[in-house]
Amino acid sequence: AHQQIRLGDIQASAQKWTRAIECYLRAIEYFKTIQKSLYDTSLISNIQAQIIQCEKAIDFYHLKDRSEQ
């Protein structure tokens, strides 16, 4: 999941918004899969925070993509 975030960051730095969004969406999928197997509420909260950060990045890159069209 973190590798997908890094790939998303790389794509975003190259202003490839759609590809960055795809990477963040994959990261969210991985985080949700991991989250289902956890029982520690602290770890679940940490993963939820990562998911929220990915969602915020996706929203931001959607706006960037629209503003450049």
N, C-alpha and C. Protein backbone atom coordinates (compact mmCIF):
# COMPACT_ATOMS: atom_id res chain seq x y z
N ALA A 1 0.82 -1.18 0.00
CA ALA A 1 0.00 0.00 0.00
C ALA A 1 0.87 1.26 0.00
N HIS A 2 1.91 1.25 0.83
CA HIS A 2 2.78 2.42 0.87
C HIS A 2 3.55 2.60 -0.43
N GLN A 3 3.86 1.49 -1.08
CA GLN A 3 4.53 1.58 -2.39
C GLN A 3 3.61 2.28 -3.39
N GLN A 4 2.33 1.99 -3.35
CA GLN A 4 1.37 2.64 -4.24
C GLN A 4 1.29 4.14 -3.96
N ILE A 5 1.38 4.50 -2.69
CA ILE A 5 1.38 5.92 -2.33
C ILE A 5 2.61 6.59 -2.92
N ARG A 6 3.77 5.95 -2.78
CA ARG A 6 5.00 6.52 -3.35
C ARG A 6 4.89 6.65 -4.87
N LEU A 7 4.34 5.63 -5.52
CA LEU A 7 4.15 5.70 -6.97
C LEU A 7 3.19 6.84 -7.33
N GLY A 8 2.16 7.01 -6.54
CA GLY A 8 1.23 8.11 -6.76
C GLY A 8 1.91 9.46 -6.62
N ASP A 9 2.78 9.57 -5.62
CA ASP A 9 3.54 10.81 -5.42
C ASP A 9 4.44 11.10 -6.62
N ILE A 10 5.07 10.06 -7.15
CA ILE A 10 5.94 10.22 -8.32
C ILE A 10 5.13 10.68 -9.52
N GLN A 11 3.98 10.04 -9.74
CA GLN A 11 3.13 10.43 -10.87
C GLN A 11 2.64 11.87 -10.71
N ALA A 12 2.30 12.24 -9.49
CA ALA A 12 1.81 13.60 -9.24
C ALA A 12 2.92 14.62 -9.49
N SER A 13 4.14 14.28 -9.11
CA SER A 13 5.24 15.22 -9.33
C SER A 13 5.49 15.43 -10.82
N ALA A 14 5.10 14.46 -11.63
CA ALA A 14 5.20 14.59 -13.09
C ALA A 14 3.91 15.15 -13.69
N GLN A 15 2.99 15.56 -12.82
CA GLN A 15 1.69 16.12 -13.21
C GLN A 15 0.86 15.13 -14.03
N LYS A 16 0.99 13.87 -13.71
CA LYS A 16 0.17 12.82 -14.32
C LYS A 16 -0.93 12.47 -13.31
N TRP A 17 -1.92 13.36 -13.25
CA TRP A 17 -2.94 13.30 -12.20
C TRP A 17 -3.74 12.00 -12.24
N THR A 18 -4.17 11.57 -13.42
CA THR A 18 -4.99 10.35 -13.52
C THR A 18 -4.22 9.14 -13.03
N ARG A 19 -2.96 9.04 -13.40
CA ARG A 19 -2.14 7.90 -12.94
C ARG A 19 -1.92 7.96 -11.44
N ALA A 20 -1.72 9.16 -10.91
CA ALA A 20 -1.55 9.31 -9.47
C ALA A 20 -2.80 8.85 -8.74
N ILE A 21 -3.96 9.25 -9.24
CA ILE A 21 -5.23 8.85 -8.63
C ILE A 21 -5.37 7.34 -8.63
N GLU A 22 -5.00 6.70 -9.74
CA GLU A 22 -5.09 5.23 -9.82
C GLU A 22 -4.22 4.58 -8.75
N CYS A 23 -3.03 5.11 -8.54
CA CYS A 23 -2.14 4.55 -7.51
C CYS A 23 -2.75 4.69 -6.12
N TYR A 24 -3.30 5.86 -5.84
CA TYR A 24 -3.91 6.08 -4.52
C TYR A 24 -5.14 5.19 -4.32
N LEU A 25 -5.90 4.97 -5.38
CA LEU A 25 -7.06 4.07 -5.27
C LEU A 25 -6.61 2.64 -4.95
N ARG A 26 -5.51 2.20 -5.59
CA ARG A 26 -4.98 0.87 -5.28
C ARG A 26 -4.50 0.81 -3.84
N ALA A 27 -3.86 1.87 -3.38
CA ALA A 27 -3.39 1.90 -1.98
C ALA A 27 -4.57 1.76 -1.03
N ILE A 28 -5.66 2.46 -1.32
CA ILE A 28 -6.86 2.36 -0.47
C ILE A 28 -7.38 0.93 -0.46
N GLU A 29 -7.42 0.28 -1.61
CA GLU A 29 -7.87 -1.12 -1.67
C GLU A 29 -6.99 -2.00 -0.78
N TYR A 30 -5.67 -1.83 -0.88
CA TYR A 30 -4.75 -2.63 -0.07
C TYR A 30 -4.96 -2.35 1.42
N PHE A 31 -5.07 -1.07 1.78
CA PHE A 31 -5.28 -0.72 3.18
C PHE A 31 -6.57 -1.34 3.72
N LYS A 32 -7.64 -1.30 2.94
CA LYS A 32 -8.92 -1.87 3.40
C LYS A 32 -8.82 -3.37 3.58
N THR A 33 -8.08 -4.04 2.70
CA THR A 33 -7.88 -5.48 2.83
C THR A 33 -7.10 -5.79 4.11
N ILE A 34 -6.06 -5.03 4.35
CA ILE A 34 -5.26 -5.23 5.57
C ILE A 34 -6.10 -4.96 6.81
N GLN A 35 -6.88 -3.89 6.75
CA GLN A 35 -7.70 -3.47 7.89
C GLN A 35 -8.67 -4.57 8.32
N LYS A 36 -9.20 -5.31 7.36
CA LYS A 36 -10.17 -6.37 7.67
C LYS A 36 -9.56 -7.48 8.51
N SER A 37 -8.24 -7.66 8.41
CA SER A 37 -7.61 -8.76 9.13
C SER A 37 -7.07 -8.35 10.50
N LEU A 38 -7.25 -7.10 10.86
CA LEU A 38 -6.71 -6.60 12.13
C LEU A 38 -7.75 -6.61 13.24
N TYR A 39 -7.24 -6.75 14.46
CA TYR A 39 -8.10 -6.71 15.64
C TYR A 39 -7.68 -5.59 16.58
N ASP A 40 -6.50 -5.05 16.37
CA ASP A 40 -5.96 -3.98 17.21
C ASP A 40 -6.56 -2.64 16.76
N THR A 41 -7.33 -2.02 17.64
CA THR A 41 -8.01 -0.77 17.26
C THR A 41 -7.03 0.35 16.94
N SER A 42 -5.87 0.33 17.56
CA SER A 42 -4.86 1.34 17.28
C SER A 42 -4.36 1.21 15.84
N LEU A 43 -4.07 -0.01 15.43
CA LEU A 43 -3.62 -0.24 14.05
C LEU A 43 -4.72 0.09 13.05
N ILE A 44 -5.94 -0.27 13.38
CA ILE A 44 -7.08 0.03 12.51
C ILE A 44 -7.21 1.54 12.35
N SER A 45 -7.04 2.27 13.43
CA SER A 45 -7.12 3.74 13.37
C SER A 45 -6.01 4.32 12.51
N ASN A 46 -4.81 3.77 12.64
CA ASN A 46 -3.68 4.23 11.82
C ASN A 46 -3.94 3.99 10.34
N ILE A 47 -4.47 2.84 10.02
CA ILE A 47 -4.76 2.53 8.62
C ILE A 47 -5.89 3.43 8.11
N GLN A 48 -6.88 3.67 8.96
CA GLN A 48 -7.98 4.56 8.55
C GLN A 48 -7.44 5.96 8.25
N ALA A 49 -6.48 6.41 9.03
CA ALA A 49 -5.86 7.72 8.77
C ALA A 49 -5.14 7.73 7.42
N GLN A 50 -4.49 6.62 7.09
CA GLN A 50 -3.82 6.52 5.79
C GLN A 50 -4.83 6.56 4.65
N ILE A 51 -5.95 5.88 4.84
CA ILE A 51 -7.01 5.88 3.83
C ILE A 51 -7.53 7.31 3.62
N ILE A 52 -7.75 8.03 4.71
CA ILE A 52 -8.24 9.40 4.61
C ILE A 52 -7.24 10.28 3.87
N GLN A 53 -5.95 10.10 4.15
CA GLN A 53 -4.93 10.88 3.44
C GLN A 53 -4.96 10.58 1.94
N CYS A 54 -5.13 9.32 1.59
CA CYS A 54 -5.23 8.95 0.17
C CYS A 54 -6.46 9.59 -0.47
N GLU A 55 -7.57 9.57 0.24
CA GLU A 55 -8.80 10.17 -0.29
C GLU A 55 -8.63 11.67 -0.50
N LYS A 56 -7.94 12.32 0.42
CA LYS A 56 -7.69 13.76 0.27
C LYS A 56 -6.80 14.03 -0.93
N ALA A 57 -5.78 13.20 -1.12
CA ALA A 57 -4.90 13.36 -2.28
C ALA A 57 -5.69 13.16 -3.57
N ILE A 58 -6.56 12.16 -3.60
CA ILE A 58 -7.38 11.91 -4.78
C ILE A 58 -8.25 13.13 -5.08
N ASP A 59 -8.91 13.67 -4.07
CA ASP A 59 -9.74 14.86 -4.26
C ASP A 59 -8.92 16.02 -4.82
N PHE A 60 -7.74 16.22 -4.26
CA PHE A 60 -6.87 17.30 -4.71
C PHE A 60 -6.45 17.11 -6.17
N TYR A 61 -6.06 15.89 -6.54
CA TYR A 61 -5.61 15.65 -7.91
C TYR A 61 -6.76 15.69 -8.90
N HIS A 62 -7.96 15.36 -8.47
CA HIS A 62 -9.13 15.56 -9.33
C HIS A 62 -9.29 17.04 -9.65
N LEU A 63 -9.14 17.89 -8.64
CA LEU A 63 -9.24 19.33 -8.85
C LEU A 63 -8.13 19.84 -9.76
N LYS A 64 -6.91 19.36 -9.56
CA LYS A 64 -5.79 19.77 -10.41
C LYS A 64 -6.05 19.37 -11.86
N ASP A 65 -6.55 18.16 -12.04
CA ASP A 65 -6.81 17.65 -13.39
C ASP A 65 -7.87 18.50 -14.08
N ARG A 66 -8.94 18.81 -13.36
CA ARG A 66 -10.02 19.63 -13.93
C ARG A 66 -9.55 21.04 -14.26
N SER A 67 -8.72 21.60 -13.41
CA SER A 67 -8.28 22.98 -13.63
C SER A 67 -7.35 23.10 -14.83
N GLU A 68 -6.71 22.01 -15.20
CA GLU A 68 -5.80 22.04 -16.34
C GLU A 68 -6.48 21.68 -17.65
N GLN A 69 -7.72 21.28 -17.58
CA GLN A 69 -8.42 20.91 -18.83
C GLN A 69 -9.08 22.09 -19.46
